[in-house]
Protein backbone atom coordinates (compact mmCIF):
# COMPACT_ATOMS: atom_id res chain seq x y z
CA MET A 1 118.11 102.13 80.70
CA LYS A 2 116.40 105.18 82.24
CA SER A 3 118.40 107.71 84.20
CA TYR A 4 117.21 110.12 86.88
CA ASP A 5 118.61 112.70 89.23
CA VAL A 6 117.09 110.98 92.27
CA ILE A 7 115.48 107.58 92.82
CA ILE A 8 113.31 106.96 95.89
CA VAL A 9 112.80 103.34 96.95
CA GLY A 10 109.57 103.06 98.89
CA ALA A 11 106.42 105.20 98.70
CA GLY A 12 105.45 105.39 102.35
CA PRO A 13 105.29 108.71 104.23
CA ALA A 14 109.10 108.99 104.30
CA GLY A 15 109.42 108.49 100.54
CA ILE A 16 106.44 110.72 99.78
CA PHE A 17 107.78 113.63 101.82
CA SER A 18 111.17 113.20 100.15
CA ALA A 19 109.47 113.58 96.77
CA LEU A 20 107.37 116.54 97.91
CA GLU A 21 110.42 118.39 99.24
CA LEU A 22 112.65 117.59 96.26
CA TYR A 23 110.12 118.92 93.77
CA LYS A 24 109.21 121.90 95.91
CA GLN A 25 112.83 123.03 96.12
CA ASN A 26 113.86 122.07 92.57
CA PRO A 27 111.06 121.36 90.08
CA SER A 28 113.57 120.64 87.30
CA LEU A 29 114.79 117.41 88.92
CA LYS A 30 114.01 114.06 87.31
CA ILE A 31 112.67 111.91 90.14
CA ALA A 32 111.45 108.31 90.18
CA MET A 33 109.73 106.36 92.97
CA PHE A 34 109.57 102.58 93.18
CA GLU A 35 107.01 100.82 95.37
CA LYS A 36 106.53 97.06 95.69
CA GLY A 37 102.82 97.30 96.55
CA ASN A 38 99.73 98.59 94.78
CA ASP A 39 98.99 102.19 93.95
CA ILE A 40 96.92 103.87 96.64
CA ASP A 41 93.64 103.79 94.72
CA LYS A 42 94.15 100.05 94.11
CA ARG A 43 94.74 99.23 97.76
CA VAL A 44 91.63 97.35 98.85
CA CYS A 45 91.68 95.65 102.24
CA PRO A 46 89.01 93.04 103.06
CA VAL A 47 89.23 93.87 106.79
CA ALA A 48 88.71 97.60 106.36
CA GLU A 49 85.10 97.22 107.49
CA TYR A 50 86.14 95.25 110.63
CA GLN A 51 84.03 92.17 109.96
CA ARG A 52 85.53 90.31 107.02
CA GLU A 53 88.22 87.66 106.96
CA CYS A 54 91.79 88.34 105.87
CA ALA A 55 92.19 87.36 102.20
CA ASN A 56 95.93 86.61 102.59
CA CYS A 57 96.75 89.01 99.76
CA LYS A 58 100.10 88.57 98.03
CA SER A 59 100.82 92.23 98.83
CA CYS A 60 99.01 93.32 102.00
CA SER A 61 97.12 96.53 101.28
CA ILE A 62 97.36 97.57 104.92
CA THR A 63 101.14 97.47 105.16
CA SER A 64 102.41 98.08 101.62
CA GLY A 65 101.59 100.16 98.56
CA PHE A 66 101.67 103.89 97.90
CA GLY A 67 101.19 105.56 101.29
CA GLY A 68 102.89 102.72 103.17
CA ALA A 69 101.47 101.40 106.42
CA GLY A 70 100.33 104.97 107.12
CA ALA A 71 97.59 104.83 104.48
CA PHE A 72 95.45 102.48 106.56
CA SER A 73 96.75 103.47 109.98
CA ASP A 74 94.57 105.43 112.38
CA GLY A 75 96.48 108.52 111.27
CA LYS A 76 98.05 109.95 114.40
CA LEU A 77 100.57 112.77 114.04
CA THR A 78 102.68 112.73 117.19
CA LEU A 79 103.68 116.36 117.67
CA THR A 80 106.46 115.65 120.16
CA THR A 81 110.09 114.59 120.02
CA GLU A 82 109.78 112.16 122.93
CA PHE A 83 108.40 109.18 121.05
CA GLY A 84 107.67 108.11 117.51
CA GLY A 85 111.25 107.31 116.61
CA ARG A 86 114.91 108.08 117.27
CA LEU A 87 115.40 110.86 114.76
CA GLY A 88 116.41 113.32 117.47
CA GLU A 89 119.59 111.31 118.03
CA TYR A 90 120.66 112.24 114.49
CA ILE A 91 119.45 115.79 113.89
CA GLY A 92 119.02 117.02 117.48
CA GLU A 93 115.87 117.51 119.53
CA GLU A 94 115.52 121.22 118.73
CA LYS A 95 115.79 120.65 114.99
CA LEU A 96 113.39 117.70 115.20
CA ALA A 97 110.76 119.83 116.97
CA GLU A 98 111.10 122.48 114.27
CA MET A 99 110.80 119.89 111.50
CA ILE A 100 107.74 118.23 113.08
CA GLY A 101 106.07 121.64 112.93
CA TYR A 102 107.04 121.92 109.26
CA VAL A 103 105.57 118.56 108.19
CA ASP A 104 102.51 119.14 110.38
CA GLY A 105 101.88 122.28 108.33
CA ILE A 106 102.01 120.23 105.13
CA TYR A 107 99.46 117.76 106.48
CA LEU A 108 97.22 120.72 107.34
CA GLU A 109 97.57 122.03 103.79
CA TYR A 110 96.27 118.68 102.56
CA GLY A 111 93.25 118.73 104.85
CA ALA A 112 94.30 117.44 108.26
CA THR A 113 91.92 118.20 111.10
CA GLU A 114 92.64 121.36 113.10
CA LYS A 115 92.00 119.69 116.46
CA VAL A 116 95.04 118.73 118.54
CA PHE A 117 94.60 116.60 121.65
CA GLY A 118 96.60 117.60 124.73
CA VAL A 119 96.62 121.36 124.05
CA ASP A 120 95.34 123.51 126.94
CA ALA A 121 94.90 120.44 129.13
CA GLU A 122 97.88 120.83 131.47
CA LYS A 123 95.86 120.28 134.66
CA GLU A 124 94.17 117.14 133.39
CA VAL A 125 97.49 115.76 132.12
CA GLU A 126 99.20 116.43 135.45
CA GLN A 127 96.42 114.59 137.26
CA ILE A 128 96.82 111.55 135.01
CA LYS A 129 100.61 111.67 135.53
CA ARG A 130 100.17 111.68 139.32
CA HIS A 131 97.87 108.66 139.25
CA ALA A 132 100.26 106.91 136.87
CA ALA A 133 103.27 107.57 139.09
CA ALA A 134 101.43 106.10 142.08
CA ALA A 135 100.95 102.92 140.01
CA GLU A 136 104.65 102.77 139.00
CA LEU A 137 103.79 103.97 135.51
CA MET A 138 105.36 106.83 133.61
CA LEU A 139 103.11 108.82 131.31
CA ILE A 140 104.79 110.58 128.39
CA PRO A 141 102.25 113.21 127.33
CA ALA A 142 102.12 114.46 123.77
CA ASN A 143 100.08 116.71 121.56
CA ILE A 144 98.36 114.49 119.01
CA ARG A 145 96.65 115.45 115.78
CA HIS A 146 94.32 112.57 114.94
CA LEU A 147 93.57 112.31 111.23
CA GLY A 148 91.49 109.14 111.35
CA THR A 149 92.04 106.20 109.04
CA GLU A 150 89.77 107.47 106.27
CA LYS A 151 91.15 111.04 106.42
CA CYS A 152 94.75 109.83 106.46
CA TYR A 153 94.02 107.79 103.33
CA GLN A 154 92.47 110.82 101.59
CA ILE A 155 95.45 113.04 102.45
CA LEU A 156 97.91 110.53 101.02
CA LEU A 157 95.68 110.07 97.97
CA ASP A 158 95.76 113.83 97.36
CA MET A 159 99.54 113.84 97.72
CA ARG A 160 99.67 111.05 95.15
CA LYS A 161 97.54 113.08 92.73
CA TRP A 162 99.74 116.15 93.18
CA LEU A 163 102.92 114.14 92.50
CA ASN A 164 101.43 112.35 89.50
CA SER A 165 102.73 114.68 86.78
CA LYS A 166 105.90 115.60 88.63
CA VAL A 167 107.47 112.25 89.61
CA ASP A 168 107.67 108.91 87.78
CA ILE A 169 105.83 106.62 90.20
CA ASN A 170 106.24 102.87 89.67
CA THR A 171 103.98 100.68 91.79
CA ASN A 172 103.98 96.88 91.90
CA CYS A 173 107.66 97.25 91.10
CA PRO A 174 109.82 95.88 93.94
CA ILE A 175 113.52 96.70 93.92
CA GLU A 176 115.64 93.60 94.27
CA THR A 177 119.14 95.09 94.38
CA ILE A 178 120.80 98.41 95.09
CA ILE A 179 123.75 98.62 92.68
CA VAL A 180 126.98 99.87 94.25
CA GLU A 181 130.48 99.92 92.75
CA ASN A 182 133.61 100.74 94.75
CA GLY A 183 131.57 102.18 97.60
CA GLU A 184 129.56 104.47 95.32
CA TYR A 185 125.87 104.16 94.48
CA LYS A 186 125.10 103.61 90.79
CA GLY A 187 121.49 102.48 90.40
CA VAL A 188 118.80 99.94 91.23
CA ARG A 189 117.61 96.67 89.74
CA THR A 190 113.99 95.56 89.95
CA LYS A 191 112.84 92.00 90.51
CA GLY A 192 111.87 91.99 86.86
CA GLY A 193 115.50 92.62 85.91
CA GLU A 194 115.16 96.24 84.73
CA GLU A 195 117.95 98.60 85.75
CA TYR A 196 117.63 102.32 86.47
CA THR A 197 120.43 104.74 87.25
CA SER A 198 120.45 108.02 89.15
CA LYS A 199 122.87 110.42 90.75
CA LYS A 200 121.42 109.84 94.22
CA VAL A 201 119.11 107.35 95.92
CA ILE A 202 116.89 107.67 98.99
CA VAL A 203 116.04 104.23 100.34
CA ALA A 204 112.80 104.53 102.32
CA PRO A 205 111.57 101.06 103.30
CA GLY A 206 108.61 100.80 105.62
CA ARG A 207 108.06 98.15 108.26
CA ASP A 208 107.14 95.66 105.54
CA GLY A 209 110.50 96.28 103.88
CA ALA A 210 112.64 95.96 107.02
CA ASP A 211 113.78 92.42 106.24
CA TRP A 212 114.71 93.30 102.64
CA PHE A 213 116.70 96.34 103.74
CA ARG A 214 118.52 94.37 106.42
CA GLU A 215 119.71 91.97 103.72
CA GLN A 216 120.75 94.83 101.42
CA ALA A 217 122.66 96.57 104.20
CA ALA A 218 124.54 93.36 104.95
CA LEU A 219 125.44 92.84 101.27
CA LEU A 220 126.63 96.44 100.92
CA ASN A 221 128.58 96.39 104.20
CA ILE A 222 126.55 99.20 105.72
CA PRO A 223 127.18 99.07 109.49
CA SER A 224 124.10 98.49 111.59
CA GLU A 225 123.04 97.77 115.13
CA VAL A 226 120.20 95.69 116.49
CA ASN A 227 117.18 97.49 117.92
CA PRO A 228 115.01 95.82 120.55
CA VAL A 229 112.14 93.72 119.25
CA ASP A 230 108.68 94.59 120.56
CA ILE A 231 106.27 91.69 121.06
CA GLY A 232 102.97 91.69 122.87
CA VAL A 233 99.22 91.80 122.53
CA ARG A 234 96.46 94.19 121.53
CA VAL A 235 94.12 94.97 124.41
CA GLU A 236 90.42 95.72 123.84
CA VAL A 237 88.18 97.24 126.51
CA PRO A 238 84.90 99.18 126.62
CA ALA A 239 85.60 102.75 125.46
CA GLU A 240 84.25 104.12 128.76
CA VAL A 241 87.17 102.55 130.62
CA MET A 242 89.69 104.79 128.83
CA ASN A 243 87.62 107.88 127.98
CA HIS A 244 88.88 109.99 130.87
CA ILE A 245 92.40 109.56 129.42
CA THR A 246 91.81 109.44 125.66
CA ASP A 247 89.57 112.52 125.72
CA VAL A 248 92.53 114.47 127.11
CA VAL A 249 95.68 113.04 125.50
CA TYR A 250 94.27 110.57 122.94
CA GLU A 251 97.59 108.67 122.60
CA SER A 252 98.47 107.79 126.18
CA LYS A 253 102.02 106.48 126.25
CA PHE A 254 102.54 104.62 129.52
CA ILE A 255 105.85 102.95 130.35
CA PHE A 256 106.28 100.29 133.02
CA TYR A 257 109.15 98.09 134.21
CA SER A 258 107.99 94.67 135.31
CA ARG A 259 108.77 93.79 138.90
CA GLN A 260 109.81 90.18 138.30
CA PHE A 261 111.96 90.60 135.19
CA ASP A 262 112.54 94.37 134.95
CA ASP A 263 111.42 94.26 131.31
CA ARG A 264 110.23 97.47 129.68
CA VAL A 265 106.53 97.35 128.82
CA ARG A 266 104.69 100.16 127.05
CA THR A 267 101.35 101.09 125.61
CA PHE A 268 101.32 101.92 121.91
CA CYS A 269 98.82 102.99 119.23
CA MET A 270 95.74 103.87 121.29
CA ASN A 271 92.50 103.70 119.26
CA PRO A 272 89.48 105.22 121.05
CA ASN A 273 86.20 103.82 119.71
CA GLY A 274 88.32 101.90 117.21
CA ALA A 275 88.62 98.42 115.77
CA VAL A 276 91.17 95.63 115.96
CA VAL A 277 92.42 94.52 112.53
CA VAL A 278 94.73 91.94 110.98
CA GLU A 279 97.89 92.76 109.03
CA ASN A 280 99.55 90.36 106.61
CA VAL A 281 103.31 90.83 106.94
CA GLU A 282 105.09 88.51 104.51
CA GLY A 283 102.47 85.83 105.09
CA LEU A 284 102.29 86.29 108.87
CA MET A 285 98.96 87.37 110.39
CA ILE A 286 99.67 89.92 113.10
CA VAL A 287 97.28 92.20 114.91
CA ASN A 288 96.95 96.00 114.83
CA GLY A 289 94.33 98.65 115.50
CA HIS A 290 92.51 101.39 113.60
CA SER A 291 90.45 104.39 114.66
CA TYR A 292 88.16 106.22 112.26
CA GLN A 293 86.76 109.74 112.40
CA ASP A 294 83.30 108.84 111.14
CA LYS A 295 82.90 105.16 112.08
CA LYS A 296 82.89 104.51 115.80
CA THR A 297 82.72 101.28 117.81
CA ASN A 298 81.95 100.86 121.49
CA ASN A 299 85.49 99.69 122.28
CA THR A 300 88.96 101.16 122.67
CA ASN A 301 92.04 99.14 121.78
CA PHE A 302 95.76 99.62 122.30
CA ALA A 303 98.95 97.62 122.01
CA LEU A 304 100.84 96.39 125.05
CA LEU A 305 104.41 95.60 124.03
CA VAL A 306 107.41 94.10 125.82
CA SER A 307 110.77 95.36 124.54
CA LYS A 308 113.72 92.97 124.62
CA ASN A 309 117.35 93.41 123.62
CA PHE A 310 119.34 90.35 122.64
CA THR A 311 123.05 89.87 123.25
CA GLU A 312 125.61 87.28 122.17
CA PRO A 313 125.33 84.97 120.39
CA PHE A 314 121.86 85.80 119.01
CA LYS A 315 121.59 88.99 116.96
CA GLU A 316 118.47 88.47 114.87
CA PRO A 317 115.44 89.72 116.83
CA LEU A 318 113.52 90.09 113.56
CA LYS A 319 113.62 86.30 113.18
CA TYR A 320 112.58 85.89 116.81
CA GLY A 321 109.55 88.14 116.34
CA LYS A 322 108.55 86.26 113.20
CA TYR A 323 108.94 82.94 115.02
CA ILE A 324 106.52 84.07 117.75
CA ALA A 325 104.03 85.37 115.15
CA ASN A 326 104.30 82.13 113.19
CA LEU A 327 103.63 80.09 116.33
CA ALA A 328 100.44 82.09 116.99
CA ASN A 329 99.34 81.56 113.38
CA MET A 330 100.08 77.85 113.62
CA LEU A 331 98.03 77.38 116.80
CA GLY A 332 95.22 79.76 115.92
CA GLY A 333 95.10 79.66 112.15
CA GLY A 334 95.76 83.39 112.34
CA VAL A 335 95.23 85.82 115.21
CA ILE A 336 94.31 84.43 118.64
CA VAL A 337 91.89 86.17 121.02
CA GLN A 338 91.66 85.38 124.73
CA ARG A 339 89.76 86.82 127.66
CA LEU A 340 92.10 88.15 130.31
CA GLY A 341 90.31 86.09 132.96
CA ASP A 342 90.95 82.90 131.02
CA LEU A 343 94.65 83.74 130.70
CA GLN A 344 94.83 84.40 134.44
CA ASP A 345 93.07 81.10 135.18
CA GLY A 346 95.37 79.12 132.88
CA ARG A 347 92.76 78.01 130.37
CA ARG A 348 92.00 78.75 126.74
CA SER A 349 89.09 80.91 125.70
CA THR A 350 86.26 79.39 123.72
CA GLU A 351 83.60 80.93 121.49
CA GLY A 352 81.11 80.45 124.33
CA ARG A 353 83.27 82.23 126.90
CA ILE A 354 83.95 85.09 124.49
CA ALA A 355 80.21 85.40 123.77
CA ARG A 356 79.42 85.54 127.50
CA GLY A 357 81.94 88.32 128.04
CA LEU A 358 81.10 91.98 128.43
CA VAL A 359 83.41 93.04 125.57
CA THR A 360 82.21 92.26 122.05
CA PRO A 361 85.26 91.71 119.83
CA THR A 362 85.59 94.08 116.88
CA LEU A 363 87.80 91.57 115.07
CA LYS A 364 85.55 88.67 114.14
CA ASP A 365 88.26 86.71 112.33
CA ALA A 366 90.17 85.75 115.48
CA THR A 367 90.38 82.28 116.99
CA PRO A 368 89.61 81.88 120.72
CA GLY A 369 92.69 80.26 122.23
CA ASP A 370 95.46 80.40 124.80
CA LEU A 371 98.20 83.01 124.42
CA SER A 372 100.31 81.35 127.12
CA LEU A 373 101.08 78.64 124.55
CA VAL A 374 102.56 81.31 122.26
CA LEU A 375 104.21 83.99 124.38
CA PRO A 376 107.20 83.11 126.60
CA HIS A 377 106.50 83.03 130.33
CA ARG A 378 108.39 86.26 131.07
CA TYR A 379 106.31 88.10 128.44
CA VAL A 380 103.05 86.85 129.95
CA VAL A 381 104.13 87.83 133.46
CA SER A 382 105.28 91.28 132.35
CA LEU A 383 102.04 91.93 130.46
CA LEU A 384 99.89 90.83 133.39
CA GLU A 385 101.84 93.08 135.76
CA MET A 386 101.37 96.01 133.38
CA LEU A 387 97.61 95.43 133.20
CA GLU A 388 97.41 95.43 136.99
CA ALA A 389 99.26 98.75 137.09
CA LEU A 390 97.09 100.27 134.34
CA ASP A 391 93.98 99.29 136.26
CA LYS A 392 94.92 101.83 138.94
CA VAL A 393 94.87 104.59 136.33
CA ALA A 394 91.95 103.24 134.29
CA PRO A 395 89.81 100.95 136.47
CA GLY A 396 88.35 98.18 134.36
CA VAL A 397 91.41 97.51 132.21
CA ASN A 398 92.30 94.49 134.34
CA SER A 399 88.78 93.06 134.12
CA ARG A 400 88.44 89.35 133.41
CA HIS A 401 86.31 90.38 130.40
CA THR A 402 89.12 92.38 128.76
CA LEU A 403 90.13 90.88 125.42
CA LEU A 404 93.73 90.18 124.42
CA TYR A 405 94.63 89.59 120.76
CA GLY A 406 97.93 88.10 119.76
CA VAL A 407 100.35 88.55 118.64
CA GLU A 408 101.40 92.08 117.89
CA VAL A 409 104.99 92.44 116.71
CA LYS A 410 106.82 95.59 115.61
CA PHE A 411 109.40 94.74 112.96
CA TYR A 412 111.98 97.52 113.19
CA SER A 413 114.88 95.66 114.66
CA ASN A 414 117.71 96.71 112.32
CA ARG A 415 119.09 100.27 112.53
CA VAL A 416 121.69 101.23 109.96
CA GLN A 417 124.51 103.61 110.75
CA LEU A 418 123.76 107.10 109.40
CA ASP A 419 125.22 110.58 109.73
CA ASN A 420 123.28 113.65 110.90
CA GLU A 421 121.82 114.08 107.39
CA LEU A 422 120.75 110.41 107.20
CA ARG A 423 123.45 109.43 104.70
CA THR A 424 124.86 105.92 104.71
CA ASN A 425 128.54 105.10 104.23
CA ILE A 426 127.74 104.47 100.56
CA GLU A 427 128.43 107.60 98.50
CA GLY A 428 125.15 108.90 97.07
CA MET A 429 122.82 106.82 99.28
CA TRP A 430 120.48 107.94 102.08
CA ALA A 431 118.31 105.67 104.27
CA ILE A 432 115.06 106.66 105.99
CA GLY A 433 111.71 105.22 107.04
CA ASP A 434 110.57 102.73 109.65
CA GLY A 435 112.41 99.93 107.83
CA ALA A 436 115.71 101.72 108.42
CA GLY A 437 115.07 101.48 112.17
CA ILE A 438 115.04 105.19 113.06
CA THR A 439 111.35 106.18 112.87
CA ARG A 440 108.15 104.64 114.19
CA GLY A 441 105.27 106.77 112.99
CA LEU A 442 103.87 109.27 110.51
CA ALA A 443 105.42 112.44 111.91
CA GLN A 444 109.05 111.36 112.25
CA ALA A 445 108.95 109.30 109.04
CA SER A 446 107.75 112.41 107.21
CA VAL A 447 110.46 114.52 108.84
CA ALA A 448 113.11 112.00 107.81
CA GLY A 449 111.93 112.34 104.22
CA VAL A 450 112.39 116.09 104.31
CA VAL A 451 115.81 115.87 106.01
CA ALA A 452 117.11 113.40 103.40
CA ALA A 453 115.66 115.43 100.52
CA ARG A 454 117.35 118.64 101.68
CA SER A 455 120.66 116.83 102.07
CA VAL A 456 120.31 115.38 98.56
CA LEU A 457 119.55 118.83 97.18
CA ASP A 458 122.69 120.24 98.81
CA SER A 459 124.79 117.41 97.40
CA LEU A 460 123.49 118.06 93.88
CA LYS A 461 124.48 121.71 93.88
């Protein structure tokens, strides 16, 4: 049985930055990382070039493996405290802003682009905000450093190379159980039955590990609360429709409350000149978007998500989101694509109607269909109202030729109870990452890794 000072479960951005900080501050520590997916240089995704069909890999190379979901994301560093997670509720907004600057500096050291969208564009941002307000939309501006999918991958690959001789990295090695005795952490057990012990553990599940961590938290009696579940579609329009916004702020975060149901609807993950892609999450085909630095398409895509809280007696929004995704897969054999005009007219899209449209889909492996057979009525109404409002800020968004892909689901519905250093109620155990329900992107996930690492270092003194 091997013993370490610190074990890190999960090798996404949160886990990686934990390892970087631990070694930087104390190179003598024995550190091990465990990751259920492939190593980063073995992560090969058949949809990376936009055109090929999903291979239904046992371990999806987009969502799991060293680098986490961030490795094949469009690589946006959100340099603001206002969105990208809820970390400010734990460490404070001022500290979060400072820490975002710190991790941003590390990304720059590893080759991140110098350009930051939103800087020195106050007048343009204010103009967009005014137009948004007139349309009952709220714009949350942010400075964004866009790495691009290929650059983000290279940065994480270089981090992997740097850690290679400093940390024991175990890929294709899922952890089955966190071993706890009398409220104190002792070690971990892999699915293969091997046990490893350490003084401390940082559990850093990504979105693909959210379900596993929810089960572990329940078994270990770690208090948690239910986050809203976000379900919606990915919208694809000609890039020219959004250029006047994306050229200024890149990631335009618009928030809208539907008139009929008062549901919160938001834009998420804007990809100028990007491509729509498929993600395999535990066998479910859900939609996402990428944006590359060197490979450009003629379209821009973004997510449109409806947030819903559930009350008594139902407390499992993760299951609800998976049910909706499964229904889409059942009806469409995977991801469904529909022209907005067809959805408005109450009919399914066909290959012929898609071909006659003005927007050429970047995701070829999507089945023309009818999203109204998948999404509940209140979701459809809220999404249509949001598109009408967006059209006042970006004319052309509400065109009948606009493409809607479904479904997009964000699986971060379980948030464990943590203190201001991200410790759980289990002695010797910290929890971070998107799967812990407190972060939703590269920047805050990376910050969480540093916060947990520093707390671990203090506890080891």
